[in-house]
Amino acid sequence: MDKRLTPDPPIIFPASRRVETEKHHFDAAAERAFAHYGLPLSDDPLRPHPTFSPSPARIPSSLSVEDKLVNALSILQSAAATAYESADQLDGAKRKLAMGTVHLIELAQSWVDSVIDETSAMGTAG
């Protein structure tokens, strides 16, 4: 007797579960970015944590211009990695929007890179 095995059909998750999974991946990427810079996570996403303020007063004046630019570049690299991670979890128009954000971050990185190169060249020429 020839008995054929038929595989089970693929499991299709409801849209709500896909959205939940996407949110989990986005939250995990955000947590990694915050942890990388030692920033606290706020309980209320609409209100930043009181200890985190992007004001210029928090930037040490003792840092050289080159060091400040290198730190800015590092922040841009983290932002690009976060945007890439988010884009990988999206499709269609949302993915294009996230990849557009990555492109803008990379443009900013190239500007900061060029200023770092000029600053380094001035430091070695003098």
PDB file of N, CA and C in Angstrom:
ATOM      1  N   MET A   1       0.841  -1.161   0.000  1.00  0.00           N
ATOM      2  CA  MET A   1       0.000   0.000   0.000  1.00  0.00           C
ATOM      3  C   MET A   1       0.895   1.236   0.000  1.00  0.00           C
ATOM      4  N   ASP A   2       0.628   2.124  -0.939  1.00  0.00           N
ATOM      5  CA  ASP A   2       1.432   3.337  -1.103  1.00  0.00           C
ATOM      6  C   ASP A   2       0.728   4.501  -0.395  1.00  0.00           C
ATOM      7  N   LYS A   3       1.271   4.883   0.746  1.00  0.00           N
ATOM      8  CA  LYS A   3       0.663   5.972   1.509  1.00  0.00           C
ATOM      9  C   LYS A   3       1.552   7.209   1.376  1.00  0.00           C
ATOM     10  N   ARG A   4       1.003   8.279   0.849  1.00  0.00           N
ATOM     11  CA  ARG A   4       1.778   9.509   0.654  1.00  0.00           C
ATOM     12  C   ARG A   4       1.584  10.443   1.852  1.00  0.00           C
ATOM     13  N   LEU A   5       2.669  11.068   2.212  1.00  0.00           N
ATOM     14  CA  LEU A   5       2.615  12.027   3.313  1.00  0.00           C
ATOM     15  C   LEU A   5       2.403  13.426   2.744  1.00  0.00           C
ATOM     16  N   THR A   6       1.484  14.120   3.302  1.00  0.00           N
ATOM     17  CA  THR A   6       1.220  15.496   2.886  1.00  0.00           C
ATOM     18  C   THR A   6       1.666  16.419   4.019  1.00  0.00           C
ATOM     19  N   PRO A   7       2.528  17.384   3.702  1.00  0.00           N
ATOM     20  CA  PRO A   7       2.993  18.277   4.775  1.00  0.00           C
ATOM     21  C   PRO A   7       1.863  19.184   5.260  1.00  0.00           C
ATOM     22  N   ASP A   8       1.997  19.609   6.498  1.00  0.00           N
ATOM     23  CA  ASP A   8       1.022  20.551   7.051  1.00  0.00           C
ATOM     24  C   ASP A   8       1.145  21.887   6.320  1.00  0.00           C
ATOM     25  N   PRO A   9       0.043  22.594   6.167  1.00  0.00           N
ATOM     26  CA  PRO A   9       0.119  23.911   5.529  1.00  0.00           C
ATOM     27  C   PRO A   9       0.895  24.881   6.421  1.00  0.00           C
ATOM     28  N   PRO A  10       1.481  25.913   5.831  1.00  0.00           N
ATOM     29  CA  PRO A  10       2.249  26.862   6.649  1.00  0.00           C
ATOM     30  C   PRO A  10       1.340  27.591   7.634  1.00  0.00           C
ATOM     31  N   ILE A  11       1.927  27.934   8.751  1.00  0.00           N
ATOM     32  CA  ILE A  11       1.177  28.665   9.770  1.00  0.00           C
ATOM     33  C   ILE A  11       1.193  30.141   9.391  1.00  0.00           C
ATOM     34  N   ILE A  12       0.032  30.740   9.329  1.00  0.00           N
ATOM     35  CA  ILE A  12      -0.070  32.163   9.014  1.00  0.00           C
ATOM     36  C   ILE A  12      -0.514  32.875  10.282  1.00  0.00           C
ATOM     37  N   PHE A  13       0.358  33.760  10.758  1.00  0.00           N
ATOM     38  CA  PHE A  13       0.056  34.480  11.983  1.00  0.00           C
ATOM     39  C   PHE A  13      -0.859  35.658  11.681  1.00  0.00           C
ATOM     40  N   PRO A  14      -1.744  35.995  12.596  1.00  0.00           N
ATOM     41  CA  PRO A  14      -2.615  37.152  12.379  1.00  0.00           C
ATOM     42  C   PRO A  14      -1.796  38.445  12.353  1.00  0.00           C
ATOM     43  N   ALA A  15      -2.351  39.479  11.725  1.00  0.00           N
ATOM     44  CA  ALA A  15      -1.651  40.758  11.585  1.00  0.00           C
ATOM     45  C   ALA A  15      -1.257  41.330  12.941  1.00  0.00           C
ATOM     46  N   SER A  16      -2.085  41.148  13.945  1.00  0.00           N
ATOM     47  CA  SER A  16      -1.777  41.704  15.264  1.00  0.00           C
ATOM     48  C   SER A  16      -0.495  41.097  15.826  1.00  0.00           C
ATOM     49  N   ARG A  17      -0.259  39.823  15.548  1.00  0.00           N
ATOM     50  CA  ARG A  17       0.959  39.181  16.044  1.00  0.00           C
ATOM     51  C   ARG A  17       2.181  39.683  15.281  1.00  0.00           C
ATOM     52  N   ARG A  18       2.034  39.947  13.961  1.00  0.00           N
ATOM     53  CA  ARG A  18       3.148  40.495  13.181  1.00  0.00           C
ATOM     54  C   ARG A  18       3.519  41.880  13.696  1.00  0.00           C
ATOM     55  N   VAL A  19       2.519  42.706  13.975  1.00  0.00           N
ATOM     56  CA  VAL A  19       2.774  44.052  14.498  1.00  0.00           C
ATOM     57  C   VAL A  19       3.474  43.959  15.845  1.00  0.00           C
ATOM     58  N   GLU A  20       3.037  43.020  16.674  1.00  0.00           N
ATOM     59  CA  GLU A  20       3.657  42.809  17.977  1.00  0.00           C
ATOM     60  C   GLU A  20       5.127  42.420  17.812  1.00  0.00           C
ATOM     61  N   THR A  21       5.417  41.553  16.855  1.00  0.00           N
ATOM     62  CA  THR A  21       6.788  41.121  16.595  1.00  0.00           C
ATOM     63  C   THR A  21       7.633  42.284  16.094  1.00  0.00           C
ATOM     64  N   GLU A  22       7.083  43.089  15.173  1.00  0.00           N
ATOM     65  CA  GLU A  22       7.812  44.254  14.663  1.00  0.00           C
ATOM     66  C   GLU A  22       8.126  45.221  15.795  1.00  0.00           C
ATOM     67  N   LYS A  23       7.145  45.456  16.671  1.00  0.00           N
ATOM     68  CA  LYS A  23       7.349  46.372  17.792  1.00  0.00           C
ATOM     69  C   LYS A  23       8.439  45.824  18.711  1.00  0.00           C
ATOM     70  N   HIS A  24       8.438  44.518  18.938  1.00  0.00           N
ATOM     71  CA  HIS A  24       9.459  43.905  19.787  1.00  0.00           C
ATOM     72  C   HIS A  24      10.853  44.133  19.193  1.00  0.00           C
ATOM     73  N   HIS A  25      11.009  43.931  17.880  1.00  0.00           N
ATOM     74  CA  HIS A  25      12.308  44.132  17.236  1.00  0.00           C
ATOM     75  C   HIS A  25      12.732  45.595  17.322  1.00  0.00           C
ATOM     76  N   PHE A  26      11.790  46.518  17.110  1.00  0.00           N
ATOM     77  CA  PHE A  26      12.106  47.941  17.192  1.00  0.00           C
ATOM     78  C   PHE A  26      12.517  48.309  18.614  1.00  0.00           C
ATOM     79  N   ASP A  27      11.755  47.839  19.606  1.00  0.00           N
ATOM     80  CA  ASP A  27      12.077  48.134  21.003  1.00  0.00           C
ATOM     81  C   ASP A  27      13.455  47.588  21.375  1.00  0.00           C
ATOM     82  N   ALA A  28      13.761  46.389  20.907  1.00  0.00           N
ATOM     83  CA  ALA A  28      15.067  45.791  21.203  1.00  0.00           C
ATOM     84  C   ALA A  28      16.192  46.610  20.582  1.00  0.00           C
ATOM     85  N   ALA A  29      16.001  47.089  19.352  1.00  0.00           N
ATOM     86  CA  ALA A  29      17.019  47.918  18.696  1.00  0.00           C
ATOM     87  C   ALA A  29      17.202  49.232  19.448  1.00  0.00           C
ATOM     88  N   ALA A  30      16.108  49.826  19.885  1.00  0.00           N
ATOM     89  CA  ALA A  30      16.187  51.083  20.638  1.00  0.00           C
ATOM     90  C   ALA A  30      16.912  50.870  21.966  1.00  0.00           C
ATOM     91  N   GLU A  31      16.598  49.771  22.644  1.00  0.00           N
ATOM     92  CA  GLU A  31      17.261  49.480  23.916  1.00  0.00           C
ATOM     93  C   GLU A  31      18.763  49.290  23.727  1.00  0.00           C
ATOM     94  N   ARG A  32      19.163  48.616  22.637  1.00  0.00           N
ATOM     95  CA  ARG A  32      20.595  48.435  22.371  1.00  0.00           C
ATOM     96  C   ARG A  32      21.275  49.774  22.121  1.00  0.00           C
ATOM     97  N   ALA A  33      20.614  50.658  21.378  1.00  0.00           N
ATOM     98  CA  ALA A  33      21.190  51.978  21.094  1.00  0.00           C
ATOM     99  C   ALA A  33      21.338  52.782  22.387  1.00  0.00           C
ATOM    100  N   PHE A  34      20.309  52.774  23.234  1.00  0.00           N
ATOM    101  CA  PHE A  34      20.386  53.513  24.493  1.00  0.00           C
ATOM    102  C   PHE A  34      21.456  52.916  25.401  1.00  0.00           C
ATOM    103  N   ALA A  35      21.524  51.596  25.460  1.00  0.00           N
ATOM    104  CA  ALA A  35      22.515  50.938  26.312  1.00  0.00           C
ATOM    105  C   ALA A  35      23.930  51.240  25.838  1.00  0.00           C
ATOM    106  N   HIS A  36      24.128  51.321  24.525  1.00  0.00           N
ATOM    107  CA  HIS A  36      25.458  51.598  23.973  1.00  0.00           C
ATOM    108  C   HIS A  36      25.998  52.925  24.496  1.00  0.00           C
ATOM    109  N   TYR A  37      25.124  53.915  24.630  1.00  0.00           N
ATOM    110  CA  TYR A  37      25.548  55.236  25.087  1.00  0.00           C
ATOM    111  C   TYR A  37      25.270  55.469  26.566  1.00  0.00           C
ATOM    112  N   GLY A  38      24.819  54.437  27.265  1.00  0.00           N
ATOM    113  CA  GLY A  38      24.573  54.566  28.689  1.00  0.00           C
ATOM    114  C   GLY A  38      23.434  55.512  29.020  1.00  0.00           C
ATOM    115  N   LEU A  39      22.458  55.611  28.132  1.00  0.00           N
ATOM    116  CA  LEU A  39      21.333  56.515  28.341  1.00  0.00           C
ATOM    117  C   LEU A  39      20.191  55.779  29.024  1.00  0.00           C
ATOM    118  N   PRO A  40      19.512  56.449  29.946  1.00  0.00           N
ATOM    119  CA  PRO A  40      18.378  55.798  30.607  1.00  0.00           C
ATOM    120  C   PRO A  40      17.168  55.754  29.686  1.00  0.00           C
ATOM    121  N   LEU A  41      16.371  54.709  29.821  1.00  0.00           N
ATOM    122  CA  LEU A  41      15.118  54.615  29.072  1.00  0.00           C
ATOM    123  C   LEU A  41      14.019  55.286  29.879  1.00  0.00           C
ATOM    124  N   SER A  42      13.195  56.069  29.219  1.00  0.00           N
ATOM    125  CA  SER A  42      12.091  56.755  29.878  1.00  0.00           C
ATOM    126  C   SER A  42      10.886  55.820  29.964  1.00  0.00           C
ATOM    127  N   ASP A  43      10.142  55.909  31.057  1.00  0.00           N
ATOM    128  CA  ASP A  43       8.913  55.120  31.184  1.00  0.00           C
ATOM    129  C   ASP A  43       7.836  55.646  30.249  1.00  0.00           C
ATOM    130  N   ASP A  44       7.867  56.948  29.986  1.00  0.00           N
ATOM    131  CA  ASP A  44       6.903  57.587  29.092  1.00  0.00           C
ATOM    132  C   ASP A  44       7.631  57.956  27.806  1.00  0.00           C
ATOM    133  N   PRO A  45       7.341  57.283  26.686  1.00  0.00           N
ATOM    134  CA  PRO A  45       8.093  57.547  25.459  1.00  0.00           C
ATOM    135  C   PRO A  45       7.909  58.964  24.925  1.00  0.00           C
ATOM    136  N   LEU A  46       6.856  59.664  25.353  1.00  0.00           N
ATOM    137  CA  LEU A  46       6.639  61.031  24.879  1.00  0.00           C
ATOM    138  C   LEU A  46       7.375  62.062  25.726  1.00  0.00           C
ATOM    139  N   ARG A  47       7.879  61.640  26.878  1.00  0.00           N
ATOM    140  CA  ARG A  47       8.606  62.561  27.747  1.00  0.00           C
ATOM    141  C   ARG A  47       9.980  61.968  28.029  1.00  0.00           C
ATOM    142  N   PRO A  48      11.054  62.630  27.588  1.00  0.00           N
ATOM    143  CA  PRO A  48      12.392  62.081  27.815  1.00  0.00           C
ATOM    144  C   PRO A  48      12.728  62.009  29.306  1.00  0.00           C
ATOM    145  N   HIS A  49      13.610  61.112  29.622  1.00  0.00           N
ATOM    146  CA  HIS A  49      14.063  60.953  30.998  1.00  0.00           C
ATOM    147  C   HIS A  49      14.703  62.264  31.458  1.00  0.00           C
ATOM    148  N   PRO A  50      14.435  62.720  32.701  1.00  0.00           N
ATOM    149  CA  PRO A  50      14.957  64.017  33.137  1.00  0.00           C
ATOM    150  C   PRO A  50      16.478  64.109  33.166  1.00  0.00           C
ATOM    151  N   THR A  51      17.181  62.975  33.293  1.00  0.00           N
ATOM    152  CA  THR A  51      18.641  63.055  33.325  1.00  0.00           C
ATOM    153  C   THR A  51      19.244  63.153  31.938  1.00  0.00           C
ATOM    154  N   PHE A  52      18.437  62.938  30.900  1.00  0.00           N
ATOM    155  CA  PHE A  52      18.963  63.037  29.536  1.00  0.00           C
ATOM    156  C   PHE A  52      18.476  64.326  28.908  1.00  0.00           C
ATOM    157  N   SER A  53      19.412  65.178  28.606  1.00  0.00           N
ATOM    158  CA  SER A  53      19.083  66.435  27.945  1.00  0.00           C
ATOM    159  C   SER A  53      20.111  66.659  26.852  1.00  0.00           C
ATOM    160  N   PRO A  54      19.676  66.872  25.620  1.00  0.00           N
ATOM    161  CA  PRO A  54      20.643  67.070  24.543  1.00  0.00           C
ATOM    162  C   PRO A  54      21.211  68.483  24.506  1.00  0.00           C
ATOM    163  N   SER A  55      21.116  69.215  25.612  1.00  0.00           N
ATOM    164  CA  SER A  55      21.587  70.597  25.624  1.00  0.00           C
ATOM    165  C   SER A  55      23.108  70.645  25.512  1.00  0.00           C
ATOM    166  N   PRO A  56      23.629  71.710  24.905  1.00  0.00           N
ATOM    167  CA  PRO A  56      25.086  71.849  24.772  1.00  0.00           C
ATOM    168  C   PRO A  56      25.808  71.881  26.116  1.00  0.00           C
ATOM    169  N   ALA A  57      25.103  72.225  27.188  1.00  0.00           N
ATOM    170  CA  ALA A  57      25.741  72.283  28.505  1.00  0.00           C
ATOM    171  C   ALA A  57      26.247  70.913  28.951  1.00  0.00           C
ATOM    172  N   ARG A  58      25.694  69.838  28.418  1.00  0.00           N
ATOM    173  CA  ARG A  58      26.114  68.490  28.809  1.00  0.00           C
ATOM    174  C   ARG A  58      27.348  68.021  28.047  1.00  0.00           C
ATOM    175  N   ILE A  59      27.761  68.766  27.045  1.00  0.00           N
ATOM    176  CA  ILE A  59      28.943  68.390  26.270  1.00  0.00           C
ATOM    177  C   ILE A  59      30.161  69.005  26.951  1.00  0.00           C
ATOM    178  N   PRO A  60      31.114  68.187  27.383  1.00  0.00           N
ATOM    179  CA  PRO A  60      32.282  68.728  28.089  1.00  0.00           C
ATOM    180  C   PRO A  60      33.070  69.710  27.220  1.00  0.00           C
ATOM    181  N   SER A  61      33.339  70.877  27.773  1.00  0.00           N
ATOM    182  CA  SER A  61      34.093  71.887  27.015  1.00  0.00           C
ATOM    183  C   SER A  61      35.559  71.489  26.880  1.00  0.00           C
ATOM    184  N   SER A  62      36.014  70.543  27.695  1.00  0.00           N
ATOM    185  CA  SER A  62      37.410  70.121  27.631  1.00  0.00           C
ATOM    186  C   SER A  62      37.716  69.278  26.392  1.00  0.00           C
ATOM    187  N   LEU A  63      36.681  68.774  25.726  1.00  0.00           N
ATOM    188  CA  LEU A  63      36.909  67.965  24.522  1.00  0.00           C
ATOM    189  C   LEU A  63      37.340  68.843  23.360  1.00  0.00           C
ATOM    190  N   SER A  64      38.236  68.325  22.561  1.00  0.00           N
ATOM    191  CA  SER A  64      38.649  69.048  21.357  1.00  0.00           C
ATOM    192  C   SER A  64      37.536  68.970  20.316  1.00  0.00           C
ATOM    193  N   VAL A  65      37.631  69.832  19.314  1.00  0.00           N
ATOM    194  CA  VAL A  65      36.647  69.819  18.229  1.00  0.00           C
ATOM    195  C   VAL A  65      36.641  68.450  17.560  1.00  0.00           C
ATOM    196  N   GLU A  66      37.829  67.890  17.356  1.00  0.00           N
ATOM    197  CA  GLU A  66      37.913  66.579  16.709  1.00  0.00           C
ATOM    198  C   GLU A  66      37.228  65.501  17.557  1.00  0.00           C
ATOM    199  N   ASP A  67      37.446  65.531  18.877  1.00  0.00           N
ATOM    200  CA  ASP A  67      36.797  64.551  19.758  1.00  0.00           C
ATOM    201  C   ASP A  67      35.280  64.692  19.722  1.00  0.00           C
ATOM    202  N   LYS A  68      34.794  65.923  19.700  1.00  0.00           N
ATOM    203  CA  LYS A  68      33.347  66.154  19.619  1.00  0.00           C
ATOM    204  C   LYS A  68      32.789  65.612  18.306  1.00  0.00           C
ATOM    205  N   LEU A  69      33.531  65.817  17.221  1.00  0.00           N
ATOM    206  CA  LEU A  69      33.088  65.311  15.923  1.00  0.00           C
ATOM    207  C   LEU A  69      33.102  63.786  15.891  1.00  0.00           C
ATOM    208  N   VAL A  70      34.116  63.187  16.493  1.00  0.00           N
ATOM    209  CA  VAL A  70      34.187  61.723  16.549  1.00  0.00           C
ATOM    210  C   VAL A  70      33.002  61.180  17.349  1.00  0.00           C
ATOM    211  N   ASN A  71      32.648  61.850  18.448  1.00  0.00           N
ATOM    212  CA  ASN A  71      31.477  61.427  19.226  1.00  0.00           C
ATOM    213  C   ASN A  71      30.201  61.577  18.406  1.00  0.00           C
ATOM    214  N   ALA A  72      30.084  62.687  17.669  1.00  0.00           N
ATOM    215  CA  ALA A  72      28.906  62.889  16.812  1.00  0.00           C
ATOM    216  C   ALA A  72      28.827  61.786  15.758  1.00  0.00           C
ATOM    217  N   LEU A  73      29.970  61.429  15.182  1.00  0.00           N
ATOM    218  CA  LEU A  73      30.000  60.367  14.180  1.00  0.00           C
ATOM    219  C   LEU A  73      29.564  59.034  14.787  1.00  0.00           C
ATOM    220  N   SER A  74      30.005  58.772  16.005  1.00  0.00           N
ATOM    221  CA  SER A  74      29.611  57.536  16.685  1.00  0.00           C
ATOM    222  C   SER A  74      28.098  57.496  16.917  1.00  0.00           C
ATOM    223  N   ILE A  75      27.518  58.631  17.282  1.00  0.00           N
ATOM    224  CA  ILE A  75      26.067  58.708  17.481  1.00  0.00           C
ATOM    225  C   ILE A  75      25.350  58.478  16.156  1.00  0.00           C
ATOM    226  N   LEU A  76      25.860  59.068  15.076  1.00  0.00           N
ATOM    227  CA  LEU A  76      25.255  58.865  13.757  1.00  0.00           C
ATOM    228  C   LEU A  76      25.342  57.400  13.331  1.00  0.00           C
ATOM    229  N   GLN A  77      26.472  56.751  13.626  1.00  0.00           N
ATOM    230  CA  GLN A  77      26.615  55.336  13.281  1.00  0.00           C
ATOM    231  C   GLN A  77      25.594  54.491  14.044  1.00  0.00           C
ATOM    232  N   SER A  78      25.365  54.827  15.308  1.00  0.00           N
ATOM    233  CA  SER A  78      24.362  54.101  16.092  1.00  0.00           C
ATOM    234  C   SER A  78      22.963  54.349  15.536  1.00  0.00           C
ATOM    235  N   ALA A  79      22.691  55.593  15.140  1.00  0.00           N
ATOM    236  CA  ALA A  79      21.385  55.916  14.555  1.00  0.00           C
ATOM    237  C   ALA A  79      21.176  55.148  13.252  1.00  0.00           C
ATOM    238  N   ALA A  80      22.228  55.058  12.434  1.00  0.00           N
ATOM    239  CA  ALA A  80      22.124  54.318  11.175  1.00  0.00           C
ATOM    240  C   ALA A  80      21.867  52.835  11.440  1.00  0.00           C
ATOM    241  N   ALA A  81      22.572  52.275  12.418  1.00  0.00           N
ATOM    242  CA  ALA A  81      22.372  50.859  12.752  1.00  0.00           C
ATOM    243  C   ALA A  81      20.947  50.612  13.244  1.00  0.00           C
ATOM    244  N   THR A  82      20.427  51.534  14.050  1.00  0.00           N
ATOM    245  CA  THR A  82      19.058  51.408  14.548  1.00  0.00           C
ATOM    246  C   THR A  82      18.060  51.497  13.404  1.00  0.00           C
ATOM    247  N   ALA A  83      18.291  52.451  12.485  1.00  0.00           N
ATOM    248  CA  ALA A  83      17.383  52.612  11.345  1.00  0.00           C
ATOM    249  C   ALA A  83      17.439  51.388  10.428  1.00  0.00           C
ATOM    250  N   TYR A  84      18.654  50.848  10.200  1.00  0.00           N
ATOM    251  CA  TYR A  84      18.778  49.624   9.393  1.00  0.00           C
ATOM    252  C   TYR A  84      18.005  48.480  10.033  1.00  0.00           C
ATOM    253  N   GLU A  85      18.180  48.327  11.345  1.00  0.00           N
ATOM    254  CA  GLU A  85      17.495  47.248  12.067  1.00  0.00           C
ATOM    255  C   GLU A  85      15.984  47.397  11.933  1.00  0.00           C
ATOM    256  N   SER A  86      15.510  48.628  12.057  1.00  0.00           N
ATOM    257  CA  SER A  86      14.073  48.882  11.912  1.00  0.00           C
ATOM    258  C   SER A  86      13.612  48.576  10.495  1.00  0.00           C
ATOM    259  N   ALA A  87      14.389  49.011   9.502  1.00  0.00           N
ATOM    260  CA  ALA A  87      14.020  48.804   8.099  1.00  0.00           C
ATOM    261  C   ALA A  87      13.936  47.319   7.761  1.00  0.00           C
ATOM    262  N   ASP A  88      14.803  46.524   8.374  1.00  0.00           N
ATOM    263  CA  ASP A  88      14.788  45.081   8.109  1.00  0.00           C
ATOM    264  C   ASP A  88      13.487  44.424   8.553  1.00  0.00           C
ATOM    265  N   GLN A  89      12.800  45.052   9.495  1.00  0.00           N
ATOM    266  CA  GLN A  89      11.561  44.482  10.017  1.00  0.00           C
ATOM    267  C   GLN A  89      10.324  45.008   9.287  1.00  0.00           C
ATOM    268  N   LEU A  90      10.523  45.904   8.325  1.00  0.00           N
ATOM    269  CA  LEU A  90       9.405  46.539   7.624  1.00  0.00           C
ATOM    270  C   LEU A  90       9.380  46.133   6.162  1.00  0.00           C
ATOM    271  N   ASP A  91       8.289  46.474   5.493  1.00  0.00           N
ATOM    272  CA  ASP A  91       8.222  46.277   4.052  1.00  0.00           C
ATOM    273  C   ASP A  91       7.383  47.395   3.439  1.00  0.00           C
ATOM    274  N   GLY A  92       7.448  47.482   2.128  1.00  0.00           N
ATOM    275  CA  GLY A  92       6.658  48.479   1.411  1.00  0.00           C
ATOM    276  C   GLY A  92       7.098  49.903   1.696  1.00  0.00           C
ATOM    277  N   ALA A  93       6.126  50.797   1.807  1.00  0.00           N
ATOM    278  CA  ALA A  93       6.397  52.226   1.987  1.00  0.00           C
ATOM    279  C   ALA A  93       7.119  52.512   3.304  1.00  0.00           C
ATOM    280  N   LYS A  94       6.802  51.749   4.350  1.00  0.00           N
ATOM    281  CA  LYS A  94       7.462  51.974   5.641  1.00  0.00           C
ATOM    282  C   LYS A  94       8.948  51.634   5.558  1.00  0.00           C
ATOM    283  N   ARG A  95       9.270  50.578   4.823  1.00  0.00           N
ATOM    284  CA  ARG A  95      10.683  50.222   4.644  1.00  0.00           C
ATOM    285  C   ARG A  95      11.411  51.307   3.859  1.00  0.00           C
ATOM    286  N   LYS A  96      10.765  51.825   2.810  1.00  0.00           N
ATOM    287  CA  LYS A  96      11.383  52.896   2.018  1.00  0.00           C
ATOM    288  C   LYS A  96      11.631  54.130   2.875  1.00  0.00           C
ATOM    289  N   LEU A  97      10.702  54.451   3.748  1.00  0.00           N
ATOM    290  CA  LEU A  97      10.864  55.594   4.639  1.00  0.00           C
ATOM    291  C   LEU A  97      12.043  55.375   5.587  1.00  0.00           C
ATOM    292  N   ALA A  98      12.136  54.184   6.160  1.00  0.00           N
ATOM    293  CA  ALA A  98      13.247  53.878   7.066  1.00  0.00           C
ATOM    294  C   ALA A  98      14.579  53.909   6.320  1.00  0.00           C
ATOM    295  N   MET A  99      14.614  53.385   5.104  1.00  0.00           N
ATOM    296  CA  MET A  99      15.856  53.415   4.320  1.00  0.00           C
ATOM    297  C   MET A  99      16.204  54.846   3.909  1.00  0.00           C
ATOM    298  N   GLY A 100      15.194  55.692   3.693  1.00  0.00           N
ATOM    299  CA  GLY A 100      15.447  57.110   3.427  1.00  0.00           C
ATOM    300  C   GLY A 100      16.113  57.767   4.624  1.00  0.00           C
ATOM    301  N   THR A 101      15.681  57.382   5.818  1.00  0.00           N
ATOM    302  CA  THR A 101      16.298  57.896   7.040  1.00  0.00           C
ATOM    303  C   THR A 101      17.751  57.443   7.125  1.00  0.00           C
ATOM    304  N   VAL A 102      18.008  56.193   6.791  1.00  0.00           N
ATOM    305  CA  VAL A 102      19.381  55.680   6.777  1.00  0.00           C
ATOM    306  C   VAL A 102      20.230  56.504   5.812  1.00  0.00           C
ATOM    307  N   HIS A 103      19.695  56.798   4.644  1.00  0.00           N
ATOM    308  CA  HIS A 103      20.438  57.576   3.644  1.00  0.00           C
ATOM    309  C   HIS A 103      20.776  58.969   4.184  1.00  0.00           C
ATOM    310  N   LEU A 104      19.823  59.620   4.835  1.00  0.00           N
ATOM    311  CA  LEU A 104      20.082  60.947   5.402  1.00  0.00           C
ATOM    312  C   LEU A 104      21.158  60.882   6.487  1.00  0.00           C
ATOM    313  N   ILE A 105      21.110  59.849   7.314  1.00  0.00           N
ATOM    314  CA  ILE A 105      22.125  59.686   8.356  1.00  0.00           C
ATOM    315  C   ILE A 105      23.494  59.481   7.720  1.00  0.00           C
ATOM    316  N   GLU A 106      23.548  58.666   6.657  1.00  0.00           N
ATOM    317  CA  GLU A 106      24.827  58.428   5.985  1.00  0.00           C
ATOM    318  C   GLU A 106      25.367  59.700   5.333  1.00  0.00           C
ATOM    319  N   LEU A 107      24.477  60.550   4.815  1.00  0.00           N
ATOM    320  CA  LEU A 107      24.922  61.841   4.278  1.00  0.00           C
ATOM    321  C   LEU A 107      25.543  62.690   5.387  1.00  0.00           C
ATOM    322  N   ALA A 108      24.885  62.725   6.544  1.00  0.00           N
ATOM    323  CA  ALA A 108      25.428  63.479   7.677  1.00  0.00           C
ATOM    324  C   ALA A 108      26.775  62.899   8.109  1.00  0.00           C
ATOM    325  N   GLN A 109      26.889  61.566   8.088  1.00  0.00           N
ATOM    326  CA  GLN A 109      28.161  60.928   8.439  1.00  0.00           C
ATOM    327  C   GLN A 109      29.274  61.369   7.494  1.00  0.00           C
ATOM    328  N   SER A 110      28.973  61.459   6.209  1.00  0.00           N
ATOM    329  CA  SER A 110      30.016  61.850   5.254  1.00  0.00           C
ATOM    330  C   SER A 110      30.464  63.289   5.490  1.00  0.00           C
ATOM    331  N   TRP A 111      29.528  64.172   5.872  1.00  0.00           N
ATOM    332  CA  TRP A 111      29.907  65.555   6.189  1.00  0.00           C
ATOM    333  C   TRP A 111      30.799  65.592   7.433  1.00  0.00           C
ATOM    334  N   VAL A 112      30.425  64.861   8.464  1.00  0.00           N
ATOM    335  CA  VAL A 112      31.224  64.834   9.692  1.00  0.00           C
ATOM    336  C   VAL A 112      32.590  64.218   9.406  1.00  0.00           C
ATOM    337  N   ASP A 113      32.627  63.146   8.615  1.00  0.00           N
ATOM    338  CA  ASP A 113      33.905  62.527   8.226  1.00  0.00           C
ATOM    339  C   ASP A 113      34.824  63.529   7.547  1.00  0.00           C
ATOM    340  N   SER A 114      34.272  64.320   6.628  1.00  0.00           N
ATOM    341  CA  SER A 114      35.112  65.274   5.896  1.00  0.00           C
ATOM    342  C   SER A 114      35.664  66.346   6.828  1.00  0.00           C
ATOM    343  N   VAL A 115      34.871  66.780   7.804  1.00  0.00           N
ATOM    344  CA  VAL A 115      35.359  67.779   8.760  1.00  0.00           C
ATOM    345  C   VAL A 115      36.430  67.165   9.661  1.00  0.00           C
ATOM    346  N   ILE A 116      36.239  65.916  10.085  1.00  0.00           N
ATOM    347  CA  ILE A 116      37.259  65.238  10.896  1.00  0.00           C
ATOM    348  C   ILE A 116      38.559  65.132  10.111  1.00  0.00           C
ATOM    349  N   ASP A 117      38.468  64.751   8.837  1.00  0.00           N
ATOM    350  CA  ASP A 117      39.668  64.642   8.004  1.00  0.00           C
ATOM    351  C   ASP A 117      40.377  65.987   7.883  1.00  0.00           C
ATOM    352  N   GLU A 118      39.608  67.064   7.671  1.00  0.00           N
ATOM    353  CA  GLU A 118      40.207  68.399   7.563  1.00  0.00           C
ATOM    354  C   GLU A 118      40.844  68.818   8.883  1.00  0.00           C
ATOM    355  N   THR A 119      40.167  68.532   9.992  1.00  0.00           N
ATOM    356  CA  THR A 119      40.696  68.890  11.308  1.00  0.00           C
ATOM    357  C   THR A 119      41.980  68.120  11.587  1.00  0.00           C
ATOM    358  N   SER A 120      41.998  66.839  11.237  1.00  0.00           N
ATOM    359  CA  SER A 120      43.202  66.024  11.433  1.00  0.00           C
ATOM    360  C   SER A 120      44.345  66.531  10.571  1.00  0.00           C
ATOM    361  N   ALA A 121      44.034  66.895   9.334  1.00  0.00           N
ATOM    362  CA  ALA A 121      45.068  67.396   8.422  1.00  0.00           C
ATOM    363  C   ALA A 121      45.649  68.710   8.933  1.00  0.00           C
ATOM    364  N   MET A 122      44.804  69.575   9.490  1.00  0.00           N
ATOM    365  CA  MET A 122      45.295  70.846  10.040  1.00  0.00           C
ATOM    366  C   MET A 122      46.180  70.599  11.253  1.00  0.00           C
ATOM    367  N   GLY A 123      45.816  69.605  12.062  1.00  0.00           N
ATOM    368  CA  GLY A 123      46.594  69.295  13.258  1.00  0.00           C
ATOM    369  C   GLY A 123      47.962  68.732  12.927  1.00  0.00           C
ATOM    370  N   THR A 124      48.071  67.963  11.854  1.00  0.00           N
ATOM    371  CA  THR A 124      49.362  67.382  11.482  1.00  0.00           C
ATOM    372  C   THR A 124      50.199  68.348  10.660  1.00  0.00           C
ATOM    373  N   ALA A 125      49.550  69.321  10.016  1.00  0.00           N
ATOM    374  CA  ALA A 125      50.293  70.278   9.190  1.00  0.00           C
ATOM    375  C   ALA A 125      50.943  71.353  10.050  1.00  0.00           C
ATOM    376  N   GLY A 126      50.381  71.586  11.245  1.00  0.00           N
ATOM    377  CA  GLY A 126      50.861  72.699  12.068  1.00  0.00           C
ATOM    378  C   GLY A 126      51.882  72.346  13.028  1.00  0.00           C
TER     379      GLY A 126
END
